[in-house]
Amino acid sequence: MSSATLQINIVPKRLMKRSEAASYCGRTVKRFEVEAPFPPVRMPNGDLLYDRADCDRWIDSLKAGAADTEADDIVAGLGS
């Protein structure tokens, strides 16, 4: 029996529809609309698309905020 090698290259989209961006961020569309602090990009034809980089920055800022809160809790505990 012979074998074959299959190479698949997937290029992710940078701009996403609202439902795609919500899914990418792990949110429902309704939660994404309420929580996402950045606007969509208006394309020349009027389409509104969300930039993956904005989604990534938002998620990174949430992670940084969690780290800051944990550090504040540790420092506060030292004073006790």
C-alpha atoms as a PDB file:
ATOM      1  CA  MET A   1       0.000   0.000   0.000  1.00  0.00           C
ATOM      2  CA  SER A   2       1.416   3.412  -0.928  1.00  0.00           C
ATOM      3  CA  SER A   3       1.130   6.547   1.171  1.00  0.00           C
ATOM      4  CA  ALA A   4       0.694  10.173   0.222  1.00  0.00           C
ATOM      5  CA  THR A   5       1.455  13.448   1.939  1.00  0.00           C
ATOM      6  CA  LEU A   6      -1.175  16.147   1.900  1.00  0.00           C
ATOM      7  CA  GLN A   7      -0.199  19.735   2.648  1.00  0.00           C
ATOM      8  CA  ILE A   8      -2.998  22.147   3.447  1.00  0.00           C
ATOM      9  CA  ASN A   9      -2.356  25.864   3.936  1.00  0.00           C
ATOM     10  CA  ILE A  10      -5.158  27.813   5.568  1.00  0.00           C
ATOM     11  CA  VAL A  11      -5.049  31.597   5.522  1.00  0.00           C
ATOM     12  CA  PRO A  12      -7.337  32.987   8.234  1.00  0.00           C
ATOM     13  CA  LYS A  13      -9.528  35.930   7.359  1.00  0.00           C
ATOM     14  CA  ARG A  14      -8.596  39.176   9.053  1.00  0.00           C
ATOM     15  CA  LEU A  15     -12.016  40.788   8.720  1.00  0.00           C
ATOM     16  CA  MET A  16     -15.055  38.927  10.014  1.00  0.00           C
ATOM     17  CA  LYS A  17     -18.808  39.312  10.089  1.00  0.00           C
ATOM     18  CA  ARG A  18     -20.290  40.060  13.509  1.00  0.00           C
ATOM     19  CA  SER A  19     -21.307  36.429  14.055  1.00  0.00           C
ATOM     20  CA  GLU A  20     -17.826  35.218  13.090  1.00  0.00           C
ATOM     21  CA  ALA A  21     -16.139  37.752  15.376  1.00  0.00           C
ATOM     22  CA  ALA A  22     -18.423  36.790  18.257  1.00  0.00           C
ATOM     23  CA  SER A  23     -17.640  33.120  17.734  1.00  0.00           C
ATOM     24  CA  TYR A  24     -13.907  33.867  17.460  1.00  0.00           C
ATOM     25  CA  CYS A  25     -14.076  35.641  20.833  1.00  0.00           C
ATOM     26  CA  GLY A  26     -16.143  32.872  22.396  1.00  0.00           C
ATOM     27  CA  ARG A  27     -19.201  35.058  22.880  1.00  0.00           C
ATOM     28  CA  THR A  28     -22.770  34.947  21.643  1.00  0.00           C
ATOM     29  CA  VAL A  29     -23.629  37.680  19.152  1.00  0.00           C
ATOM     30  CA  LYS A  30     -25.702  39.532  21.771  1.00  0.00           C
ATOM     31  CA  ARG A  31     -22.921  39.386  24.387  1.00  0.00           C
ATOM     32  CA  PHE A  32     -20.342  40.432  21.785  1.00  0.00           C
ATOM     33  CA  GLU A  33     -22.444  43.467  20.818  1.00  0.00           C
ATOM     34  CA  VAL A  34     -22.639  44.536  24.468  1.00  0.00           C
ATOM     35  CA  GLU A  35     -19.078  43.715  25.538  1.00  0.00           C
ATOM     36  CA  ALA A  36     -16.808  44.439  22.565  1.00  0.00           C
ATOM     37  CA  PRO A  37     -15.328  47.920  23.103  1.00  0.00           C
ATOM     38  CA  PHE A  38     -14.360  48.510  19.484  1.00  0.00           C
ATOM     39  CA  PRO A  39     -16.358  49.410  16.376  1.00  0.00           C
ATOM     40  CA  PRO A  40     -16.460  47.430  13.150  1.00  0.00           C
ATOM     41  CA  VAL A  41     -14.607  48.580  10.049  1.00  0.00           C
ATOM     42  CA  ARG A  42     -16.881  50.112   7.406  1.00  0.00           C
ATOM     43  CA  MET A  43     -15.923  48.760   3.999  1.00  0.00           C
ATOM     44  CA  PRO A  44     -16.350  50.850   0.806  1.00  0.00           C
ATOM     45  CA  ASN A  45     -19.557  48.967  -0.053  1.00  0.00           C
ATOM     46  CA  GLY A  46     -21.011  49.660   3.426  1.00  0.00           C
ATOM     47  CA  ASP A  47     -20.354  46.228   4.954  1.00  0.00           C
ATOM     48  CA  LEU A  48     -19.412  46.329   8.638  1.00  0.00           C
ATOM     49  CA  LEU A  49     -16.650  43.859   9.467  1.00  0.00           C
ATOM     50  CA  TYR A  50     -14.663  43.233  12.632  1.00  0.00           C
ATOM     51  CA  ASP A  51     -10.878  43.175  12.588  1.00  0.00           C
ATOM     52  CA  ARG A  52      -9.295  40.067  14.108  1.00  0.00           C
ATOM     53  CA  ALA A  53      -6.497  42.290  15.476  1.00  0.00           C
ATOM     54  CA  ASP A  54      -9.074  44.338  17.439  1.00  0.00           C
ATOM     55  CA  CYS A  55     -10.528  41.115  18.854  1.00  0.00           C
ATOM     56  CA  ASP A  56      -7.063  39.937  19.859  1.00  0.00           C
ATOM     57  CA  ARG A  57      -6.188  43.289  21.515  1.00  0.00           C
ATOM     58  CA  TRP A  58      -9.463  43.218  23.453  1.00  0.00           C
ATOM     59  CA  ILE A  59      -8.871  39.675  24.711  1.00  0.00           C
ATOM     60  CA  ASP A  60      -5.263  40.535  25.608  1.00  0.00           C
ATOM     61  CA  SER A  61      -6.468  43.597  27.560  1.00  0.00           C
ATOM     62  CA  LEU A  62      -8.906  41.414  29.499  1.00  0.00           C
ATOM     63  CA  LYS A  63      -6.073  39.049  30.369  1.00  0.00           C
ATOM     64  CA  ALA A  64      -3.838  41.955  31.409  1.00  0.00           C
ATOM     65  CA  GLY A  65      -6.638  43.352  33.580  1.00  0.00           C
ATOM     66  CA  ALA A  66      -7.011  39.990  35.300  1.00  0.00           C
ATOM     67  CA  ALA A  67      -3.281  39.879  35.974  1.00  0.00           C
ATOM     68  CA  ASP A  68      -3.361  43.433  37.382  1.00  0.00           C
ATOM     69  CA  THR A  69      -6.261  42.506  39.681  1.00  0.00           C
ATOM     70  CA  GLU A  70      -4.412  39.437  40.945  1.00  0.00           C
ATOM     71  CA  ALA A  71      -1.283  41.507  41.628  1.00  0.00           C
ATOM     72  CA  ASP A  72      -3.358  44.126  43.493  1.00  0.00           C
ATOM     73  CA  ASP A  73      -4.906  41.374  45.619  1.00  0.00           C
ATOM     74  CA  ILE A  74      -1.459  40.003  46.499  1.00  0.00           C
ATOM     75  CA  VAL A  75      -0.117  43.452  47.439  1.00  0.00           C
ATOM     76  CA  ALA A  76      -3.220  44.175  49.511  1.00  0.00           C
ATOM     77  CA  GLY A  77      -2.744  40.879  51.329  1.00  0.00           C
ATOM     78  CA  LEU A  78       0.831  41.782  52.253  1.00  0.00           C
ATOM     79  CA  GLY A  79      -0.342  44.816  54.178  1.00  0.00           C
ATOM     80  CA  SER A  80      -2.627  42.738  56.382  1.00  0.00           C
END
